[in-house]
């Protein structure tokens, strides 16, 4: 007995909601970054589920592009976080309020 499409969409929506509220509530830059990645994973899960239940490969192509964007986001995002930490000695969003100092 395999899960239905509704179960996959519900799980994807729950993961997306957790990631969204994590971005809104948290103040640590790394945690916000992980919540953004969780939101991308939720979108990927939904696309794979729709692709599987519609018997098409369109969702698989989108997933490939999402994973590519996520890998680029990790590389650039972590580089920005490291640069901010080196300059400000903190990764708390409240302390990163100026663009130029």
PDB file of N, CA and C in Angstrom:
ATOM      1  N   UNK A   1       0.845  -1.173   0.000  1.00  0.00           N
ATOM      2  CA  UNK A   1       0.000   0.000   0.000  1.00  0.00           C
ATOM      3  C   UNK A   1       0.893   1.240   0.000  1.00  0.00           C
ATOM      4  N   UNK A   2       0.839   2.013  -1.058  1.00  0.00           N
ATOM      5  CA  UNK A   2       1.673   3.203  -1.157  1.00  0.00           C
ATOM      6  C   UNK A   2       0.878   4.436  -0.735  1.00  0.00           C
ATOM      7  N   UNK A   3       1.572   5.441  -0.245  1.00  0.00           N
ATOM      8  CA  UNK A   3       0.883   6.677   0.178  1.00  0.00           C
ATOM      9  C   UNK A   3       0.234   7.375  -1.015  1.00  0.00           C
ATOM     10  N   UNK A   4      -0.830   8.088  -0.750  1.00  0.00           N
ATOM     11  CA  UNK A   4      -1.534   8.808  -1.812  1.00  0.00           C
ATOM     12  C   UNK A   4      -0.855  10.148  -2.075  1.00  0.00           C
ATOM     13  N   UNK A   5      -1.315  10.789  -3.130  1.00  0.00           N
ATOM     14  CA  UNK A   5      -0.780  12.105  -3.467  1.00  0.00           C
ATOM     15  C   UNK A   5      -1.066  13.113  -2.355  1.00  0.00           C
ATOM     16  N   UNK A   6      -2.220  12.972  -1.729  1.00  0.00           N
ATOM     17  CA  UNK A   6      -2.578  13.889  -0.635  1.00  0.00           C
ATOM     18  C   UNK A   6      -1.571  13.813   0.514  1.00  0.00           C
ATOM     19  N   UNK A   7      -1.086  12.620   0.807  1.00  0.00           N
ATOM     20  CA  UNK A   7      -0.110  12.472   1.887  1.00  0.00           C
ATOM     21  C   UNK A   7       1.194  13.181   1.548  1.00  0.00           C
ATOM     22  N   UNK A   8       1.641  13.051   0.298  1.00  0.00           N
ATOM     23  CA  UNK A   8       2.864  13.725  -0.115  1.00  0.00           C
ATOM     24  C   UNK A   8       2.702  15.243  -0.101  1.00  0.00           C
ATOM     25  N   UNK A   9       1.567  15.714  -0.573  1.00  0.00           N
ATOM     26  CA  UNK A   9       1.334  17.161  -0.602  1.00  0.00           C
ATOM     27  C   UNK A   9       1.210  17.708   0.817  1.00  0.00           C
ATOM     28  N   UNK A  10       0.563  16.955   1.692  1.00  0.00           N
ATOM     29  CA  UNK A  10       0.448  17.379   3.090  1.00  0.00           C
ATOM     30  C   UNK A  10       1.816  17.441   3.763  1.00  0.00           C
ATOM     31  N   UNK A  11       2.647  16.431   3.527  1.00  0.00           N
ATOM     32  CA  UNK A  11       4.001  16.448   4.079  1.00  0.00           C
ATOM     33  C   UNK A  11       4.813  17.604   3.512  1.00  0.00           C
ATOM     34  N   UNK A  12       4.679  17.840   2.221  1.00  0.00           N
ATOM     35  CA  UNK A  12       5.398  18.947   1.597  1.00  0.00           C
ATOM     36  C   UNK A  12       4.941  20.293   2.159  1.00  0.00           C
ATOM     37  N   UNK A  13       3.643  20.450   2.355  1.00  0.00           N
ATOM     38  CA  UNK A  13       3.124  21.702   2.920  1.00  0.00           C
ATOM     39  C   UNK A  13       3.588  21.895   4.354  1.00  0.00           C
ATOM     40  N   UNK A  14       3.635  20.799   5.123  1.00  0.00           N
ATOM     41  CA  UNK A  14       4.109  20.901   6.503  1.00  0.00           C
ATOM     42  C   UNK A  14       5.578  21.296   6.555  1.00  0.00           C
ATOM     43  N   UNK A  15       6.390  20.678   5.709  1.00  0.00           N
ATOM     44  CA  UNK A  15       7.821  21.037   5.668  1.00  0.00           C
ATOM     45  C   UNK A  15       8.013  22.486   5.243  1.00  0.00           C
ATOM     46  N   UNK A  16       7.237  22.916   4.245  1.00  0.00           N
ATOM     47  CA  UNK A  16       7.346  24.297   3.785  1.00  0.00           C
ATOM     48  C   UNK A  16       6.934  25.271   4.884  1.00  0.00           C
ATOM     49  N   UNK A  17       5.866  24.942   5.608  1.00  0.00           N
ATOM     50  CA  UNK A  17       5.399  25.819   6.690  1.00  0.00           C
ATOM     51  C   UNK A  17       6.428  25.901   7.814  1.00  0.00           C
ATOM     52  N   UNK A  18       7.048  24.774   8.160  1.00  0.00           N
ATOM     53  CA  UNK A  18       8.093  24.790   9.189  1.00  0.00           C
ATOM     54  C   UNK A  18       9.258  25.672   8.753  1.00  0.00           C
ATOM     55  N   UNK A  19       9.662  25.533   7.496  1.00  0.00           N
ATOM     56  CA  UNK A  19      10.749  26.358   6.977  1.00  0.00           C
ATOM     57  C   UNK A  19      10.382  27.830   6.937  1.00  0.00           C
ATOM     58  N   UNK A  20       9.155  28.128   6.529  1.00  0.00           N
ATOM     59  CA  UNK A  20       8.706  29.517   6.438  1.00  0.00           C
ATOM     60  C   UNK A  20       8.675  30.183   7.805  1.00  0.00           C
ATOM     61  N   UNK A  21       8.087  29.490   8.783  1.00  0.00           N
ATOM     62  CA  UNK A  21       8.030  30.065  10.121  1.00  0.00           C
ATOM     63  C   UNK A  21       9.419  30.135  10.760  1.00  0.00           C
ATOM     64  N   UNK A  22      10.299  29.219  10.383  1.00  0.00           N
ATOM     65  CA  UNK A  22      11.678  29.288  10.864  1.00  0.00           C
ATOM     66  C   UNK A  22      12.396  30.525  10.351  1.00  0.00           C
ATOM     67  N   UNK A  23      12.140  30.877   9.094  1.00  0.00           N
ATOM     68  CA  UNK A  23      12.745  32.091   8.534  1.00  0.00           C
ATOM     69  C   UNK A  23      12.198  33.326   9.232  1.00  0.00           C
ATOM     70  N   UNK A  24      10.906  33.317   9.530  1.00  0.00           N
ATOM     71  CA  UNK A  24      10.302  34.491  10.173  1.00  0.00           C
ATOM     72  C   UNK A  24      10.700  34.653  11.625  1.00  0.00           C
ATOM     73  N   UNK A  25      10.874  33.558  12.353  1.00  0.00           N
ATOM     74  CA  UNK A  25      11.049  33.616  13.803  1.00  0.00           C
ATOM     75  C   UNK A  25      12.515  33.657  14.216  1.00  0.00           C
ATOM     76  N   UNK A  26      13.348  32.916  13.569  1.00  0.00           N
ATOM     77  CA  UNK A  26      14.743  32.768  14.011  1.00  0.00           C
ATOM     78  C   UNK A  26      15.568  34.010  13.718  1.00  0.00           C
ATOM     79  N   UNK A  27      16.618  34.189  14.502  1.00  0.00           N
ATOM     80  CA  UNK A  27      17.516  35.326  14.344  1.00  0.00           C
ATOM     81  C   UNK A  27      18.935  34.907  13.970  1.00  0.00           C
ATOM     82  N   UNK A  28      19.210  33.624  13.966  1.00  0.00           N
ATOM     83  CA  UNK A  28      20.529  33.121  13.614  1.00  0.00           C
ATOM     84  C   UNK A  28      20.586  32.916  12.101  1.00  0.00           C
ATOM     85  N   UNK A  29      21.600  33.457  11.468  1.00  0.00           N
ATOM     86  CA  UNK A  29      21.700  33.401  10.021  1.00  0.00           C
ATOM     87  C   UNK A  29      21.805  31.966   9.506  1.00  0.00           C
ATOM     88  N   UNK A  30      22.531  31.114  10.198  1.00  0.00           N
ATOM     89  CA  UNK A  30      22.658  29.727   9.755  1.00  0.00           C
ATOM     90  C   UNK A  30      21.334  28.981   9.851  1.00  0.00           C
ATOM     91  N   UNK A  31      20.573  29.228  10.891  1.00  0.00           N
ATOM     92  CA  UNK A  31      19.269  28.573  11.036  1.00  0.00           C
ATOM     93  C   UNK A  31      18.313  29.064   9.950  1.00  0.00           C
ATOM     94  N   UNK A  32      18.348  30.345   9.648  1.00  0.00           N
ATOM     95  CA  UNK A  32      17.524  30.890   8.566  1.00  0.00           C
ATOM     96  C   UNK A  32      17.908  30.236   7.248  1.00  0.00           C
ATOM     97  N   UNK A  33      19.182  30.067   7.039  1.00  0.00           N
ATOM     98  CA  UNK A  33      19.681  29.428   5.818  1.00  0.00           C
ATOM     99  C   UNK A  33      19.188  27.983   5.732  1.00  0.00           C
ATOM    100  N   UNK A  34      19.216  27.253   6.831  1.00  0.00           N
ATOM    101  CA  UNK A  34      18.726  25.873   6.838  1.00  0.00           C
ATOM    102  C   UNK A  34      17.219  25.826   6.599  1.00  0.00           C
ATOM    103  N   UNK A  35      16.489  26.801   7.107  1.00  0.00           N
ATOM    104  CA  UNK A  35      15.048  26.843   6.879  1.00  0.00           C
ATOM    105  C   UNK A  35      14.734  27.121   5.407  1.00  0.00           C
ATOM    106  N   UNK A  36      15.525  27.944   4.769  1.00  0.00           N
ATOM    107  CA  UNK A  36      15.358  28.163   3.330  1.00  0.00           C
ATOM    108  C   UNK A  36      15.601  26.876   2.548  1.00  0.00           C
ATOM    109  N   UNK A  37      16.603  26.116   2.949  1.00  0.00           N
ATOM    110  CA  UNK A  37      16.868  24.837   2.301  1.00  0.00           C
ATOM    111  C   UNK A  37      15.721  23.857   2.541  1.00  0.00           C
ATOM    112  N   UNK A  38      15.114  23.902   3.712  1.00  0.00           N
ATOM    113  CA  UNK A  38      13.962  23.048   3.999  1.00  0.00           C
ATOM    114  C   UNK A  38      12.791  23.415   3.093  1.00  0.00           C
ATOM    115  N   UNK A  39      12.604  24.689   2.832  1.00  0.00           N
ATOM    116  CA  UNK A  39      11.547  25.118   1.924  1.00  0.00           C
ATOM    117  C   UNK A  39      11.809  24.626   0.505  1.00  0.00           C
ATOM    118  N   UNK A  40      13.053  24.651   0.065  1.00  0.00           N
ATOM    119  CA  UNK A  40      13.389  24.111  -1.253  1.00  0.00           C
ATOM    120  C   UNK A  40      13.149  22.605  -1.314  1.00  0.00           C
ATOM    121  N   UNK A  41      13.478  21.904  -0.252  1.00  0.00           N
ATOM    122  CA  UNK A  41      13.248  20.456  -0.213  1.00  0.00           C
ATOM    123  C   UNK A  41      11.755  20.149  -0.255  1.00  0.00           C
ATOM    124  N   UNK A  42      10.942  20.964   0.389  1.00  0.00           N
ATOM    125  CA  UNK A  42       9.493  20.774   0.354  1.00  0.00           C
ATOM    126  C   UNK A  42       8.949  20.963  -1.058  1.00  0.00           C
ATOM    127  N   UNK A  43       9.424  21.978  -1.754  1.00  0.00           N
ATOM    128  CA  UNK A  43       8.991  22.187  -3.136  1.00  0.00           C
ATOM    129  C   UNK A  43       9.436  21.033  -4.022  1.00  0.00           C
ATOM    130  N   UNK A  44      10.634  20.528  -3.790  1.00  0.00           N
ATOM    131  CA  UNK A  44      11.138  19.387  -4.552  1.00  0.00           C
ATOM    132  C   UNK A  44      10.278  18.155  -4.315  1.00  0.00           C
ATOM    133  N   UNK A  45       9.919  17.901  -3.075  1.00  0.00           N
ATOM    134  CA  UNK A  45       9.064  16.760  -2.752  1.00  0.00           C
ATOM    135  C   UNK A  45       7.717  16.862  -3.451  1.00  0.00           C
ATOM    136  N   UNK A  46       7.126  18.041  -3.460  1.00  0.00           N
ATOM    137  CA  UNK A  46       5.841  18.220  -4.130  1.00  0.00           C
ATOM    138  C   UNK A  46       5.959  17.975  -5.629  1.00  0.00           C
ATOM    139  N   UNK A  47       7.018  18.482  -6.239  1.00  0.00           N
ATOM    140  CA  UNK A  47       7.196  18.272  -7.680  1.00  0.00           C
ATOM    141  C   UNK A  47       7.395  16.804  -8.020  1.00  0.00           C
ATOM    142  N   UNK A  48       8.172  16.093  -7.223  1.00  0.00           N
ATOM    143  CA  UNK A  48       8.381  14.672  -7.467  1.00  0.00           C
ATOM    144  C   UNK A  48       7.077  13.903  -7.296  1.00  0.00           C
ATOM    145  N   UNK A  49       6.296  14.246  -6.292  1.00  0.00           N
ATOM    146  CA  UNK A  49       5.021  13.575  -6.059  1.00  0.00           C
ATOM    147  C   UNK A  49       4.062  13.808  -7.225  1.00  0.00           C
ATOM    148  N   UNK A  50       3.940  15.048  -7.673  1.00  0.00           N
ATOM    149  CA  UNK A  50       3.056  15.331  -8.808  1.00  0.00           C
ATOM    150  C   UNK A  50       3.540  14.616 -10.067  1.00  0.00           C
ATOM    151  N   UNK A  51       4.849  14.577 -10.262  1.00  0.00           N
ATOM    152  CA  UNK A  51       5.400  13.892 -11.421  1.00  0.00           C
ATOM    153  C   UNK A  51       5.113  12.396 -11.371  1.00  0.00           C
ATOM    154  N   UNK A  52       5.234  11.817 -10.194  1.00  0.00           N
ATOM    155  CA  UNK A  52       5.006  10.376 -10.054  1.00  0.00           C
ATOM    156  C   UNK A  52       3.549  10.009 -10.291  1.00  0.00           C
ATOM    157  N   UNK A  53       2.644  10.789  -9.738  1.00  0.00           N
ATOM    158  CA  UNK A  53       1.231  10.456  -9.861  1.00  0.00           C
ATOM    159  C   UNK A  53       0.638  10.847 -11.211  1.00  0.00           C
ATOM    160  N   UNK A  54       1.292  11.697 -11.970  1.00  0.00           N
ATOM    161  CA  UNK A  54       0.839  12.047 -13.321  1.00  0.00           C
ATOM    162  C   UNK A  54       1.583  11.275 -14.397  1.00  0.00           C
ATOM    163  N   UNK A  55       2.537  10.427 -13.996  1.00  0.00           N
ATOM    164  CA  UNK A  55       3.326   9.606 -14.924  1.00  0.00           C
ATOM    165  C   UNK A  55       4.018  10.433 -15.998  1.00  0.00           C
ATOM    166  N   UNK A  56       4.610  11.542 -15.588  1.00  0.00           N
ATOM    167  CA  UNK A  56       5.394  12.374 -16.501  1.00  0.00           C
ATOM    168  C   UNK A  56       6.783  12.571 -15.912  1.00  0.00           C
ATOM    169  N   UNK A  57       7.682  13.030 -16.753  1.00  0.00           N
ATOM    170  CA  UNK A  57       9.041  13.318 -16.298  1.00  0.00           C
ATOM    171  C   UNK A  57       9.289  14.814 -16.138  1.00  0.00           C
ATOM    172  N   UNK A  58       8.248  15.622 -16.290  1.00  0.00           N
ATOM    173  CA  UNK A  58       8.419  17.072 -16.177  1.00  0.00           C
ATOM    174  C   UNK A  58       8.877  17.476 -14.785  1.00  0.00           C
ATOM    175  N   UNK A  59       8.324  16.873 -13.761  1.00  0.00           N
ATOM    176  CA  UNK A  59       8.713  17.182 -12.387  1.00  0.00           C
ATOM    177  C   UNK A  59      10.147  16.813 -12.108  1.00  0.00           C
ATOM    178  N   UNK A  60      10.616  15.724 -12.728  1.00  0.00           N
ATOM    179  CA  UNK A  60      12.005  15.315 -12.538  1.00  0.00           C
ATOM    180  C   UNK A  60      12.980  16.341 -13.106  1.00  0.00           C
ATOM    181  N   UNK A  61      12.616  16.949 -14.215  1.00  0.00           N
ATOM    182  CA  UNK A  61      13.461  17.986 -14.806  1.00  0.00           C
ATOM    183  C   UNK A  61      13.513  19.209 -13.891  1.00  0.00           C
ATOM    184  N   UNK A  62      12.363  19.590 -13.348  1.00  0.00           N
ATOM    185  CA  UNK A  62      12.331  20.721 -12.422  1.00  0.00           C
ATOM    186  C   UNK A  62      13.143  20.432 -11.165  1.00  0.00           C
ATOM    187  N   UNK A  63      13.076  19.200 -10.691  1.00  0.00           N
ATOM    188  CA  UNK A  63      13.842  18.816  -9.504  1.00  0.00           C
ATOM    189  C   UNK A  63      15.333  18.951  -9.775  1.00  0.00           C
ATOM    190  N   UNK A  64      15.768  18.561 -10.955  1.00  0.00           N
ATOM    191  CA  UNK A  64      17.182  18.718 -11.304  1.00  0.00           C
ATOM    192  C   UNK A  64      17.604  20.179 -11.222  1.00  0.00           C
ATOM    193  N   UNK A  65      16.785  21.075 -11.744  1.00  0.00           N
ATOM    194  CA  UNK A  65      17.112  22.500 -11.680  1.00  0.00           C
ATOM    195  C   UNK A  65      17.041  23.041 -10.253  1.00  0.00           C
ATOM    196  N   UNK A  66      16.086  22.561  -9.463  1.00  0.00           N
ATOM    197  CA  UNK A  66      16.000  22.999  -8.066  1.00  0.00           C
ATOM    198  C   UNK A  66      17.239  22.569  -7.296  1.00  0.00           C
ATOM    199  N   UNK A  67      17.694  21.340  -7.509  1.00  0.00           N
ATOM    200  CA  UNK A  67      18.899  20.876  -6.818  1.00  0.00           C
ATOM    201  C   UNK A  67      20.136  21.653  -7.267  1.00  0.00           C
ATOM    202  N   UNK A  68      20.175  22.028  -8.530  1.00  0.00           N
ATOM    203  CA  UNK A  68      21.289  22.846  -9.025  1.00  0.00           C
ATOM    204  C   UNK A  68      21.278  24.228  -8.375  1.00  0.00           C
ATOM    205  N   UNK A  69      20.104  24.837  -8.292  1.00  0.00           N
ATOM    206  CA  UNK A  69      19.986  26.143  -7.647  1.00  0.00           C
ATOM    207  C   UNK A  69      20.310  26.044  -6.162  1.00  0.00           C
ATOM    208  N   UNK A  70      19.877  24.959  -5.522  1.00  0.00           N
ATOM    209  CA  UNK A  70      20.164  24.775  -4.097  1.00  0.00           C
ATOM    210  C   UNK A  70      21.661  24.629  -3.852  1.00  0.00           C
ATOM    211  N   UNK A  71      22.356  23.914  -4.722  1.00  0.00           N
ATOM    212  CA  UNK A  71      23.811  23.773  -4.565  1.00  0.00           C
ATOM    213  C   UNK A  71      24.508  25.117  -4.736  1.00  0.00           C
ATOM    214  N   UNK A  72      24.075  25.895  -5.711  1.00  0.00           N
ATOM    215  CA  UNK A  72      24.665  27.223  -5.902  1.00  0.00           C
ATOM    216  C   UNK A  72      24.337  28.129  -4.712  1.00  0.00           C
ATOM    217  N   UNK A  73      23.118  28.009  -4.192  1.00  0.00           N
ATOM    218  CA  UNK A  73      22.728  28.811  -3.030  1.00  0.00           C
ATOM    219  C   UNK A  73      23.574  28.471  -1.817  1.00  0.00           C
ATOM    220  N   UNK A  74      23.849  27.208  -1.630  1.00  0.00           N
ATOM    221  CA  UNK A  74      24.688  26.802  -0.493  1.00  0.00           C
ATOM    222  C   UNK A  74      26.080  27.397  -0.630  1.00  0.00           C
ATOM    223  N   UNK A  75      26.658  27.325  -1.809  1.00  0.00           N
ATOM    224  CA  UNK A  75      28.014  27.851  -2.005  1.00  0.00           C
ATOM    225  C   UNK A  75      28.059  29.357  -1.773  1.00  0.00           C
ATOM    226  N   UNK A  76      27.154  30.084  -2.385  1.00  0.00           N
ATOM    227  CA  UNK A  76      27.155  31.544  -2.259  1.00  0.00           C
ATOM    228  C   UNK A  76      26.698  31.972  -0.865  1.00  0.00           C
ATOM    229  N   UNK A  77      25.654  31.335  -0.351  1.00  0.00           N
ATOM    230  CA  UNK A  77      25.128  31.705   0.962  1.00  0.00           C
ATOM    231  C   UNK A  77      26.127  31.491   2.081  1.00  0.00           C
ATOM    232  N   UNK A  78      26.788  30.351   2.084  1.00  0.00           N
ATOM    233  CA  UNK A  78      27.786  30.104   3.126  1.00  0.00           C
ATOM    234  C   UNK A  78      28.984  31.044   2.996  1.00  0.00           C
ATOM    235  N   UNK A  79      29.346  31.391   1.770  1.00  0.00           N
ATOM    236  CA  UNK A  79      30.437  32.357   1.584  1.00  0.00           C
ATOM    237  C   UNK A  79      30.048  33.720   2.151  1.00  0.00           C
ATOM    238  N   UNK A  80      28.816  34.132   1.940  1.00  0.00           N
ATOM    239  CA  UNK A  80      28.345  35.409   2.482  1.00  0.00           C
ATOM    240  C   UNK A  80      28.299  35.359   4.002  1.00  0.00           C
ATOM    241  N   UNK A  81      27.824  34.247   4.556  1.00  0.00           N
ATOM    242  CA  UNK A  81      27.754  34.119   6.013  1.00  0.00           C
ATOM    243  C   UNK A  81      29.149  34.155   6.630  1.00  0.00           C
ATOM    244  N   UNK A  82      30.103  33.475   6.011  1.00  0.00           N
ATOM    245  CA  UNK A  82      31.481  33.489   6.519  1.00  0.00           C
ATOM    246  C   UNK A  82      32.066  34.893   6.434  1.00  0.00           C
ATOM    247  N   UNK A  83      31.811  35.592   5.332  1.00  0.00           N
ATOM    248  CA  UNK A  83      32.318  36.967   5.193  1.00  0.00           C
ATOM    249  C   UNK A  83      31.694  37.896   6.234  1.00  0.00           C
ATOM    250  N   UNK A  84      30.406  37.739   6.479  1.00  0.00           N
ATOM    251  CA  UNK A  84      29.753  38.554   7.508  1.00  0.00           C
ATOM    252  C   UNK A  84      30.306  38.254   8.893  1.00  0.00           C
ATOM    253  N   UNK A  85      30.555  36.982   9.167  1.00  0.00           N
ATOM    254  CA  UNK A  85      31.089  36.629  10.477  1.00  0.00           C
ATOM    255  C   UNK A  85      32.502  37.187  10.661  1.00  0.00           C
ATOM    256  N   UNK A  86      33.296  37.148   9.619  1.00  0.00           N
ATOM    257  CA  UNK A  86      34.658  37.690   9.724  1.00  0.00           C
ATOM    258  C   UNK A  86      34.642  39.191   9.961  1.00  0.00           C
ATOM    259  N   UNK A  87      33.682  39.884   9.363  1.00  0.00           N
ATOM    260  CA  UNK A  87      33.638  41.336   9.502  1.00  0.00           C
ATOM    261  C   UNK A  87      32.975  41.772  10.812  1.00  0.00           C
ATOM    262  N   UNK A  88      31.864  41.154  11.175  1.00  0.00           N
ATOM    263  CA  UNK A  88      31.088  41.601  12.332  1.00  0.00           C
ATOM    264  C   UNK A  88      31.268  40.746  13.577  1.00  0.00           C
ATOM    265  N   UNK A  89      31.877  39.564  13.458  1.00  0.00           N
ATOM    266  CA  UNK A  89      32.080  38.633  14.565  1.00  0.00           C
ATOM    267  C   UNK A  89      30.755  38.125  15.159  1.00  0.00           C
ATOM    268  N   UNK A  90      29.710  38.095  14.358  1.00  0.00           N
ATOM    269  CA  UNK A  90      28.429  37.562  14.795  1.00  0.00           C
ATOM    270  C   UNK A  90      27.651  37.085  13.575  1.00  0.00           C
ATOM    271  N   UNK A  91      26.728  36.158  13.818  1.00  0.00           N
ATOM    272  CA  UNK A  91      25.841  35.721  12.739  1.00  0.00           C
ATOM    273  C   UNK A  91      24.377  35.975  13.117  1.00  0.00           C
ATOM    274  N   UNK A  92      24.157  36.795  14.132  1.00  0.00           N
ATOM    275  CA  UNK A  92      22.804  37.158  14.535  1.00  0.00           C
ATOM    276  C   UNK A  92      22.279  38.238  13.584  1.00  0.00           C
ATOM    277  N   UNK A  93      21.067  38.054  13.086  1.00  0.00           N
ATOM    278  CA  UNK A  93      20.495  38.973  12.108  1.00  0.00           C
ATOM    279  C   UNK A  93      20.294  40.359  12.714  1.00  0.00           C
ATOM    280  N   UNK A  94      19.981  40.434  13.988  1.00  0.00           N
ATOM    281  CA  UNK A  94      19.749  41.730  14.636  1.00  0.00           C
ATOM    282  C   UNK A  94      20.985  42.616  14.624  1.00  0.00           C
ATOM    283  N   UNK A  95      22.155  42.016  14.638  1.00  0.00           N
ATOM    284  CA  UNK A  95      23.405  42.781  14.666  1.00  0.00           C
ATOM    285  C   UNK A  95      23.925  43.107  13.262  1.00  0.00           C
ATOM    286  N   UNK A  96      23.295  42.560  12.250  1.00  0.00           N
ATOM    287  CA  UNK A  96      23.729  42.795  10.867  1.00  0.00           C
ATOM    288  C   UNK A  96      22.783  43.777  10.214  1.00  0.00           C
ATOM    289  N   UNK A  97      22.722  44.999  10.729  1.00  0.00           N
ATOM    290  CA  UNK A  97      21.740  45.963  10.263  1.00  0.00           C
ATOM    291  C   UNK A  97      22.308  46.999   9.315  1.00  0.00           C
ATOM    292  N   UNK A  98      23.593  47.010   9.078  1.00  0.00           N
ATOM    293  CA  UNK A  98      24.145  48.002   8.163  1.00  0.00           C
ATOM    294  C   UNK A  98      24.799  47.316   6.984  1.00  0.00           C
ATOM    295  N   UNK A  99      24.635  47.905   5.807  1.00  0.00           N
ATOM    296  CA  UNK A  99      25.245  47.330   4.612  1.00  0.00           C
ATOM    297  C   UNK A  99      26.704  47.745   4.471  1.00  0.00           C
ATOM    298  N   UNK A 100      27.009  48.951   4.893  1.00  0.00           N
ATOM    299  CA  UNK A 100      28.378  49.434   4.788  1.00  0.00           C
ATOM    300  C   UNK A 100      28.764  50.056   6.108  1.00  0.00           C
ATOM    301  N   UNK A 101      29.942  49.688   6.586  1.00  0.00           N
ATOM    302  CA  UNK A 101      30.340  50.167   7.900  1.00  0.00           C
ATOM    303  C   UNK A 101      31.735  50.726   7.886  1.00  0.00           C
TER     304      UNK A 101
END
